[in-house]
Amino acid sequence: MKNASSRSAEMIGGESYIKLVKAYFSYLDMEYGFMRLAEKIQGNAFYGIEYTDGQKIVSVSYENITDYFTVIFFLLKEGERPNYDDKEKTLHLDKLNVKVFSVADNDEIQLNTKYFSKFKATSETEKKLLKAAKELRLCLKYFDKLTI
């Protein structure tokens, strides 16, 4: 998910980012059995958190200064992370969304939206993060059915 629009004045701190990811993406461990693999805070420039289920890694990262946010699936091969440039094993959420929304029914989309109604994102960064959490949860429901 890229934000090419003008940079908003707010920047989020690393600890705040990690806390939000843990809250918004809490379904990863509760519903899908993912475990937190790594957390990374590099000054105020880059924040990332990764989860794994043993078959794939979900990376949720944010470059604060450039306002670049992305969610990536790395499909593991023999437990190893693929090269970032491997288009078959490195899947970006925005590309998967196109496939998911072609198979998800309206009721499932509404139930997913309802699940996230407990969160109140206020800043633009929080809104982007919450949107990605919604999209990822829906994507995981259909992940095994997708032709990747």
N, C-alpha and C. Protein backbone atom coordinates (compact mmCIF):
# COMPACT_ATOMS: atom_id res chain seq x y z
N MET A 1 0.84 -1.15 0.00
CA MET A 1 0.00 0.00 0.00
C MET A 1 0.90 1.22 0.00
N LYS A 2 0.82 2.00 -1.04
CA LYS A 2 1.65 3.18 -1.15
C LYS A 2 0.80 4.40 -0.95
N ASN A 3 1.38 5.42 -0.41
CA ASN A 3 0.71 6.68 -0.27
C ASN A 3 1.54 7.70 -1.02
N ALA A 4 1.14 8.01 -2.23
CA ALA A 4 1.90 8.94 -3.05
C ALA A 4 1.41 10.36 -2.87
N SER A 5 0.37 10.53 -2.07
CA SER A 5 -0.15 11.88 -1.85
C SER A 5 0.81 12.66 -0.97
N SER A 6 0.50 13.92 -0.80
CA SER A 6 1.39 14.76 0.01
C SER A 6 1.49 14.22 1.42
N ARG A 7 2.63 14.38 2.00
CA ARG A 7 2.94 13.86 3.33
C ARG A 7 2.18 14.62 4.38
N SER A 8 1.45 13.92 5.22
CA SER A 8 0.76 14.57 6.33
C SER A 8 1.79 14.97 7.38
N ALA A 9 1.41 15.88 8.23
CA ALA A 9 2.33 16.41 9.21
C ALA A 9 2.64 15.43 10.33
N GLU A 10 1.76 14.47 10.57
CA GLU A 10 1.99 13.55 11.69
C GLU A 10 2.96 12.44 11.34
N MET A 11 3.77 12.10 12.30
CA MET A 11 4.64 10.94 12.20
C MET A 11 4.33 10.10 13.43
N ILE A 12 4.40 8.81 13.27
CA ILE A 12 4.11 7.91 14.38
C ILE A 12 5.42 7.39 14.96
N GLY A 13 5.45 7.23 16.27
CA GLY A 13 6.63 6.67 16.91
C GLY A 13 6.66 5.15 16.78
N GLY A 14 7.84 4.59 16.88
CA GLY A 14 8.02 3.16 16.72
C GLY A 14 7.21 2.32 17.68
N GLU A 15 7.25 2.68 18.96
CA GLU A 15 6.50 1.91 19.96
C GLU A 15 4.99 1.99 19.71
N SER A 16 4.52 3.16 19.30
CA SER A 16 3.10 3.33 19.00
C SER A 16 2.70 2.49 17.80
N TYR A 17 3.56 2.46 16.79
CA TYR A 17 3.29 1.66 15.60
C TYR A 17 3.19 0.17 15.97
N ILE A 18 4.16 -0.33 16.71
CA ILE A 18 4.17 -1.74 17.10
C ILE A 18 2.92 -2.07 17.91
N LYS A 19 2.55 -1.18 18.82
CA LYS A 19 1.36 -1.40 19.65
C LYS A 19 0.10 -1.48 18.79
N LEU A 20 -0.02 -0.59 17.80
CA LEU A 20 -1.18 -0.62 16.91
C LEU A 20 -1.21 -1.89 16.06
N VAL A 21 -0.07 -2.29 15.53
CA VAL A 21 -0.02 -3.52 14.73
C VAL A 21 -0.46 -4.70 15.59
N LYS A 22 0.04 -4.78 16.80
CA LYS A 22 -0.34 -5.89 17.68
C LYS A 22 -1.84 -5.90 17.95
N ALA A 23 -2.45 -4.73 18.08
CA ALA A 23 -3.89 -4.66 18.33
C ALA A 23 -4.69 -4.97 17.07
N TYR A 24 -4.42 -4.26 15.98
CA TYR A 24 -5.18 -4.41 14.75
C TYR A 24 -5.02 -5.79 14.11
N PHE A 25 -3.84 -6.38 14.26
CA PHE A 25 -3.56 -7.67 13.64
C PHE A 25 -3.59 -8.82 14.65
N SER A 26 -4.23 -8.61 15.80
CA SER A 26 -4.26 -9.64 16.84
C SER A 26 -4.93 -10.93 16.38
N TYR A 27 -5.77 -10.86 15.37
CA TYR A 27 -6.41 -12.05 14.84
C TYR A 27 -5.40 -13.03 14.23
N LEU A 28 -4.21 -12.55 13.87
CA LEU A 28 -3.23 -13.45 13.27
C LEU A 28 -2.91 -14.62 14.18
N ASP A 29 -2.71 -14.35 15.46
CA ASP A 29 -2.45 -15.47 16.37
C ASP A 29 -3.74 -16.08 16.89
N MET A 30 -4.74 -15.28 17.17
CA MET A 30 -5.98 -15.79 17.75
C MET A 30 -6.77 -16.68 16.78
N GLU A 31 -6.81 -16.31 15.51
CA GLU A 31 -7.61 -17.05 14.54
C GLU A 31 -6.80 -17.96 13.63
N TYR A 32 -5.55 -17.59 13.37
CA TYR A 32 -4.78 -18.29 12.35
C TYR A 32 -3.51 -18.97 12.87
N GLY A 33 -3.24 -18.86 14.14
CA GLY A 33 -2.10 -19.55 14.72
C GLY A 33 -0.74 -18.99 14.35
N PHE A 34 -0.70 -17.75 13.91
CA PHE A 34 0.59 -17.11 13.62
C PHE A 34 1.27 -16.73 14.93
N MET A 35 2.58 -16.74 14.92
CA MET A 35 3.38 -16.28 16.06
C MET A 35 4.18 -15.07 15.62
N ARG A 36 4.39 -14.15 16.55
CA ARG A 36 5.24 -13.00 16.25
C ARG A 36 6.66 -13.50 16.07
N LEU A 37 7.26 -13.16 14.97
CA LEU A 37 8.59 -13.61 14.63
C LEU A 37 9.63 -12.55 14.96
N ALA A 38 9.34 -11.29 14.63
CA ALA A 38 10.32 -10.23 14.83
C ALA A 38 9.63 -8.88 14.90
N GLU A 39 10.25 -7.99 15.65
CA GLU A 39 9.84 -6.58 15.69
C GLU A 39 11.09 -5.77 15.42
N LYS A 40 10.93 -4.72 14.62
CA LYS A 40 12.09 -3.90 14.29
C LYS A 40 11.71 -2.43 14.32
N ILE A 41 12.50 -1.66 15.05
CA ILE A 41 12.35 -0.21 15.07
C ILE A 41 13.72 0.36 14.79
N GLN A 42 13.84 1.07 13.67
CA GLN A 42 15.11 1.71 13.32
C GLN A 42 14.92 3.22 13.43
N GLY A 43 15.26 3.73 14.61
CA GLY A 43 15.09 5.16 14.86
C GLY A 43 13.64 5.56 14.62
N ASN A 44 13.46 6.69 13.90
CA ASN A 44 12.10 7.09 13.55
C ASN A 44 11.85 6.88 12.06
N ALA A 45 12.70 6.08 11.41
CA ALA A 45 12.61 5.91 9.96
C ALA A 45 11.85 4.65 9.52
N PHE A 46 12.05 3.53 10.19
CA PHE A 46 11.47 2.26 9.74
C PHE A 46 10.96 1.46 10.93
N TYR A 47 9.75 0.93 10.77
CA TYR A 47 9.17 0.06 11.78
C TYR A 47 8.61 -1.18 11.08
N GLY A 48 8.81 -2.31 11.67
CA GLY A 48 8.26 -3.52 11.08
C GLY A 48 7.98 -4.58 12.11
N ILE A 49 7.03 -5.41 11.81
CA ILE A 49 6.71 -6.54 12.66
C ILE A 49 6.36 -7.70 11.72
N GLU A 50 6.85 -8.88 12.06
CA GLU A 50 6.61 -10.06 11.24
C GLU A 50 5.97 -11.16 12.05
N TYR A 51 5.10 -11.90 11.37
CA TYR A 51 4.41 -13.04 11.96
C TYR A 51 4.65 -14.24 11.06
N THR A 52 4.63 -15.44 11.64
CA THR A 52 4.76 -16.65 10.83
C THR A 52 3.83 -17.74 11.33
N ASP A 53 3.42 -18.58 10.40
CA ASP A 53 2.66 -19.78 10.75
C ASP A 53 3.45 -21.03 10.37
N GLY A 54 4.73 -20.85 10.02
CA GLY A 54 5.58 -21.96 9.63
C GLY A 54 5.60 -22.22 8.13
N GLN A 55 4.58 -21.72 7.43
CA GLN A 55 4.52 -21.88 5.97
C GLN A 55 4.69 -20.55 5.24
N LYS A 56 4.37 -19.48 5.95
CA LYS A 56 4.51 -18.16 5.37
C LYS A 56 4.85 -17.15 6.46
N ILE A 57 5.41 -16.05 6.02
CA ILE A 57 5.69 -14.92 6.90
C ILE A 57 4.84 -13.76 6.40
N VAL A 58 4.19 -13.08 7.33
CA VAL A 58 3.47 -11.86 7.01
C VAL A 58 4.29 -10.71 7.61
N SER A 59 4.71 -9.80 6.75
CA SER A 59 5.51 -8.65 7.17
C SER A 59 4.66 -7.39 7.04
N VAL A 60 4.55 -6.64 8.15
CA VAL A 60 3.80 -5.39 8.18
C VAL A 60 4.81 -4.30 8.49
N SER A 61 5.15 -3.49 7.49
CA SER A 61 6.21 -2.51 7.70
C SER A 61 5.81 -1.12 7.25
N TYR A 62 6.51 -0.15 7.82
CA TYR A 62 6.21 1.26 7.56
C TYR A 62 7.50 2.06 7.56
N GLU A 63 7.70 2.80 6.49
CA GLU A 63 8.81 3.75 6.42
C GLU A 63 8.22 5.11 6.75
N ASN A 64 8.47 5.54 7.97
CA ASN A 64 7.81 6.70 8.55
C ASN A 64 8.12 7.99 7.79
N ILE A 65 9.35 8.22 7.45
CA ILE A 65 9.75 9.48 6.84
C ILE A 65 9.14 9.64 5.44
N THR A 66 9.09 8.55 4.67
CA THR A 66 8.53 8.62 3.32
C THR A 66 7.05 8.24 3.28
N ASP A 67 6.49 7.84 4.42
CA ASP A 67 5.09 7.46 4.53
C ASP A 67 4.75 6.30 3.60
N TYR A 68 5.62 5.29 3.59
CA TYR A 68 5.42 4.11 2.74
C TYR A 68 5.07 2.93 3.64
N PHE A 69 3.90 2.36 3.39
CA PHE A 69 3.39 1.27 4.20
C PHE A 69 3.15 0.06 3.31
N THR A 70 3.52 -1.13 3.79
CA THR A 70 3.32 -2.33 2.97
C THR A 70 3.09 -3.56 3.84
N VAL A 71 2.30 -4.48 3.29
CA VAL A 71 2.08 -5.79 3.90
C VAL A 71 2.47 -6.81 2.83
N ILE A 72 3.38 -7.71 3.21
CA ILE A 72 3.90 -8.69 2.26
C ILE A 72 3.81 -10.09 2.84
N PHE A 73 3.42 -11.05 2.00
CA PHE A 73 3.49 -12.47 2.33
C PHE A 73 4.76 -13.03 1.72
N PHE A 74 5.53 -13.73 2.51
CA PHE A 74 6.66 -14.50 2.00
C PHE A 74 6.29 -15.97 2.15
N LEU A 75 6.14 -16.68 1.05
CA LEU A 75 5.83 -18.10 1.11
C LEU A 75 7.13 -18.87 1.31
N LEU A 76 7.24 -19.55 2.44
CA LEU A 76 8.48 -20.24 2.79
C LEU A 76 8.67 -21.50 1.95
N LYS A 77 9.90 -21.76 1.59
CA LYS A 77 10.24 -22.99 0.89
C LYS A 77 11.29 -23.68 1.74
N GLU A 78 10.92 -24.85 2.28
CA GLU A 78 11.79 -25.58 3.19
C GLU A 78 12.22 -24.70 4.36
N GLY A 79 11.28 -23.89 4.84
CA GLY A 79 11.53 -23.04 5.99
C GLY A 79 12.32 -21.77 5.71
N GLU A 80 12.70 -21.55 4.46
CA GLU A 80 13.52 -20.40 4.09
C GLU A 80 12.68 -19.31 3.46
N ARG A 81 13.02 -18.07 3.78
CA ARG A 81 12.36 -16.91 3.19
C ARG A 81 12.85 -16.73 1.75
N PRO A 82 11.93 -16.51 0.82
CA PRO A 82 12.36 -16.30 -0.57
C PRO A 82 12.97 -14.92 -0.75
N ASN A 83 13.63 -14.74 -1.87
CA ASN A 83 14.17 -13.44 -2.24
C ASN A 83 13.00 -12.47 -2.45
N TYR A 84 13.18 -11.24 -2.07
CA TYR A 84 12.13 -10.23 -2.20
C TYR A 84 11.63 -10.12 -3.65
N ASP A 85 12.50 -10.32 -4.61
CA ASP A 85 12.15 -10.18 -6.02
C ASP A 85 11.47 -11.40 -6.62
N ASP A 86 11.31 -12.48 -5.85
CA ASP A 86 10.66 -13.70 -6.33
C ASP A 86 9.15 -13.45 -6.37
N LYS A 87 8.62 -13.21 -7.56
CA LYS A 87 7.20 -12.84 -7.73
C LYS A 87 6.23 -13.98 -7.38
N GLU A 88 6.72 -15.21 -7.39
CA GLU A 88 5.85 -16.34 -7.06
C GLU A 88 5.77 -16.61 -5.57
N LYS A 89 6.79 -16.22 -4.82
CA LYS A 89 6.86 -16.52 -3.38
C LYS A 89 6.79 -15.27 -2.50
N THR A 90 6.85 -14.09 -3.11
CA THR A 90 6.74 -12.83 -2.38
C THR A 90 5.51 -12.12 -2.90
N LEU A 91 4.46 -12.10 -2.08
CA LEU A 91 3.15 -11.62 -2.52
C LEU A 91 2.76 -10.37 -1.74
N HIS A 92 2.38 -9.35 -2.46
CA HIS A 92 1.98 -8.09 -1.83
C HIS A 92 0.46 -8.07 -1.62
N LEU A 93 0.06 -7.57 -0.48
CA LEU A 93 -1.36 -7.57 -0.11
C LEU A 93 -2.21 -6.85 -1.15
N ASP A 94 -1.75 -5.74 -1.67
CA ASP A 94 -2.57 -5.00 -2.63
C ASP A 94 -2.88 -5.83 -3.88
N LYS A 95 -1.96 -6.67 -4.29
CA LYS A 95 -2.20 -7.54 -5.45
C LYS A 95 -3.15 -8.69 -5.08
N LEU A 96 -3.01 -9.22 -3.88
CA LEU A 96 -3.90 -10.31 -3.44
C LEU A 96 -5.33 -9.82 -3.26
N ASN A 97 -5.48 -8.56 -2.86
CA ASN A 97 -6.83 -8.00 -2.66
C ASN A 97 -7.67 -8.09 -3.91
N VAL A 98 -7.07 -7.86 -5.06
CA VAL A 98 -7.81 -7.93 -6.32
C VAL A 98 -8.42 -9.31 -6.47
N LYS A 99 -7.65 -10.34 -6.16
CA LYS A 99 -8.15 -11.71 -6.27
C LYS A 99 -9.19 -12.02 -5.19
N VAL A 100 -8.94 -11.57 -3.99
CA VAL A 100 -9.85 -11.86 -2.88
C VAL A 100 -11.22 -11.22 -3.11
N PHE A 101 -11.23 -9.97 -3.53
CA PHE A 101 -12.51 -9.30 -3.71
C PHE A 101 -13.29 -9.85 -4.90
N SER A 102 -12.64 -10.63 -5.74
CA SER A 102 -13.38 -11.28 -6.83
C SER A 102 -14.06 -12.56 -6.37
N VAL A 103 -13.66 -13.12 -5.21
CA VAL A 103 -14.27 -14.36 -4.71
C VAL A 103 -15.03 -14.18 -3.40
N ALA A 104 -14.74 -13.13 -2.64
CA ALA A 104 -15.41 -12.91 -1.35
C ALA A 104 -16.85 -12.45 -1.58
N ASP A 105 -17.76 -12.98 -0.77
CA ASP A 105 -19.14 -12.52 -0.92
C ASP A 105 -19.39 -11.32 -0.01
N ASN A 106 -20.44 -10.61 -0.31
CA ASN A 106 -20.75 -9.37 0.39
C ASN A 106 -20.97 -9.59 1.89
N ASP A 107 -21.60 -10.71 2.26
CA ASP A 107 -21.84 -10.99 3.68
C ASP A 107 -20.51 -11.14 4.43
N GLU A 108 -19.56 -11.83 3.82
CA GLU A 108 -18.25 -12.03 4.44
C GLU A 108 -17.52 -10.69 4.60
N ILE A 109 -17.63 -9.85 3.62
CA ILE A 109 -17.00 -8.52 3.69
C ILE A 109 -17.62 -7.71 4.82
N GLN A 110 -18.95 -7.78 4.96
CA GLN A 110 -19.63 -7.04 6.02
C GLN A 110 -19.27 -7.58 7.40
N LEU A 111 -19.18 -8.90 7.54
CA LEU A 111 -18.77 -9.50 8.82
C LEU A 111 -17.35 -9.08 9.18
N ASN A 112 -16.49 -9.02 8.20
CA ASN A 112 -15.11 -8.60 8.42
C ASN A 112 -15.07 -7.14 8.89
N THR A 113 -15.84 -6.29 8.25
CA THR A 113 -15.91 -4.88 8.64
C THR A 113 -16.43 -4.75 10.08
N LYS A 114 -17.43 -5.54 10.41
CA LYS A 114 -18.00 -5.51 11.77
C LYS A 114 -16.95 -5.91 12.82
N TYR A 115 -16.12 -6.90 12.50
CA TYR A 115 -15.08 -7.35 13.42
C TYR A 115 -14.17 -6.17 13.83
N PHE A 116 -13.88 -5.29 12.91
CA PHE A 116 -12.96 -4.18 13.17
C PHE A 116 -13.64 -2.93 13.70
N SER A 117 -14.95 -2.96 13.89
CA SER A 117 -15.66 -1.77 14.36
C SER A 117 -15.27 -1.37 15.79
N LYS A 118 -14.61 -2.25 16.51
CA LYS A 118 -14.17 -1.94 17.87
C LYS A 118 -12.98 -0.98 17.90
N PHE A 119 -12.32 -0.81 16.75
CA PHE A 119 -11.15 0.07 16.67
C PHE A 119 -11.56 1.44 16.14
N LYS A 120 -10.93 2.47 16.69
CA LYS A 120 -11.20 3.84 16.27
C LYS A 120 -9.88 4.48 15.82
N ALA A 121 -9.58 4.36 14.55
CA ALA A 121 -8.37 4.97 14.00
C ALA A 121 -8.63 6.45 13.78
N THR A 122 -7.71 7.29 14.22
CA THR A 122 -7.92 8.72 14.09
C THR A 122 -6.95 9.38 13.10
N SER A 123 -5.69 9.01 13.14
CA SER A 123 -4.72 9.63 12.23
C SER A 123 -4.73 8.90 10.89
N GLU A 124 -4.15 9.51 9.89
CA GLU A 124 -4.06 8.88 8.56
C GLU A 124 -3.26 7.59 8.63
N THR A 125 -2.19 7.57 9.39
CA THR A 125 -1.38 6.36 9.53
C THR A 125 -2.19 5.25 10.17
N GLU A 126 -2.92 5.56 11.23
CA GLU A 126 -3.76 4.57 11.89
C GLU A 126 -4.83 4.04 10.94
N LYS A 127 -5.40 4.91 10.13
CA LYS A 127 -6.43 4.50 9.17
C LYS A 127 -5.86 3.55 8.12
N LYS A 128 -4.65 3.84 7.62
CA LYS A 128 -4.01 2.96 6.64
C LYS A 128 -3.72 1.60 7.26
N LEU A 129 -3.25 1.61 8.49
CA LEU A 129 -2.92 0.38 9.19
C LEU A 129 -4.18 -0.46 9.43
N LEU A 130 -5.25 0.17 9.85
CA LEU A 130 -6.51 -0.53 10.08
C LEU A 130 -7.08 -1.08 8.78
N LYS A 131 -7.00 -0.32 7.72
CA LYS A 131 -7.47 -0.78 6.41
C LYS A 131 -6.70 -2.04 5.98
N ALA A 132 -5.39 -2.02 6.17
CA ALA A 132 -4.57 -3.18 5.81
C ALA A 132 -4.92 -4.39 6.68
N ALA A 133 -5.18 -4.17 7.97
CA ALA A 133 -5.56 -5.27 8.86
C ALA A 133 -6.86 -5.91 8.38
N LYS A 134 -7.83 -5.08 7.98
CA LYS A 134 -9.09 -5.59 7.45
C LYS A 134 -8.86 -6.41 6.18
N GLU A 135 -8.07 -5.86 5.28
CA GLU A 135 -7.81 -6.54 4.01
C GLU A 135 -7.08 -7.86 4.24
N LEU A 136 -6.10 -7.85 5.13
CA LEU A 136 -5.33 -9.07 5.38
C LEU A 136 -6.21 -10.15 5.99
N ARG A 137 -7.05 -9.79 6.93
CA ARG A 137 -7.92 -10.79 7.56
C ARG A 137 -8.83 -11.45 6.52
N LEU A 138 -9.40 -10.64 5.64
CA LEU A 138 -10.25 -11.19 4.59
C LEU A 138 -9.43 -12.05 3.63
N CYS A 139 -8.25 -11.60 3.32
CA CYS A 139 -7.36 -12.34 2.42
C CYS A 139 -7.02 -13.71 3.00
N LEU A 140 -6.74 -13.77 4.29
CA LEU A 140 -6.38 -15.04 4.91
C LEU A 140 -7.54 -16.04 4.90
N LYS A 141 -8.76 -15.54 4.95
CA LYS A 141 -9.92 -16.44 4.88
C LYS A 141 -9.98 -17.17 3.55
N TYR A 142 -9.47 -16.53 2.51
CA TYR A 142 -9.54 -17.10 1.16
C TYR A 142 -8.18 -17.52 0.63
N PHE A 143 -7.15 -17.40 1.41
CA PHE A 143 -5.78 -17.58 0.92
C PHE A 143 -5.56 -18.92 0.22
N ASP A 144 -6.02 -19.98 0.83
CA ASP A 144 -5.81 -21.32 0.25
C ASP A 144 -6.62 -21.55 -1.03
N LYS A 145 -7.65 -20.74 -1.24
CA LYS A 145 -8.50 -20.88 -2.43
C LYS A 145 -7.99 -20.04 -3.59
N LEU A 146 -7.07 -19.12 -3.31
CA LEU A 146 -6.57 -18.24 -4.37
C LEU A 146 -5.60 -18.95 -5.28
N THR A 147 -5.67 -18.64 -6.55
CA THR A 147 -4.68 -19.11 -7.50
C THR A 147 -3.60 -18.05 -7.56
N ILE A 148 -2.46 -18.37 -6.99
CA ILE A 148 -1.40 -17.37 -6.87
C ILE A 148 -0.35 -17.58 -7.94
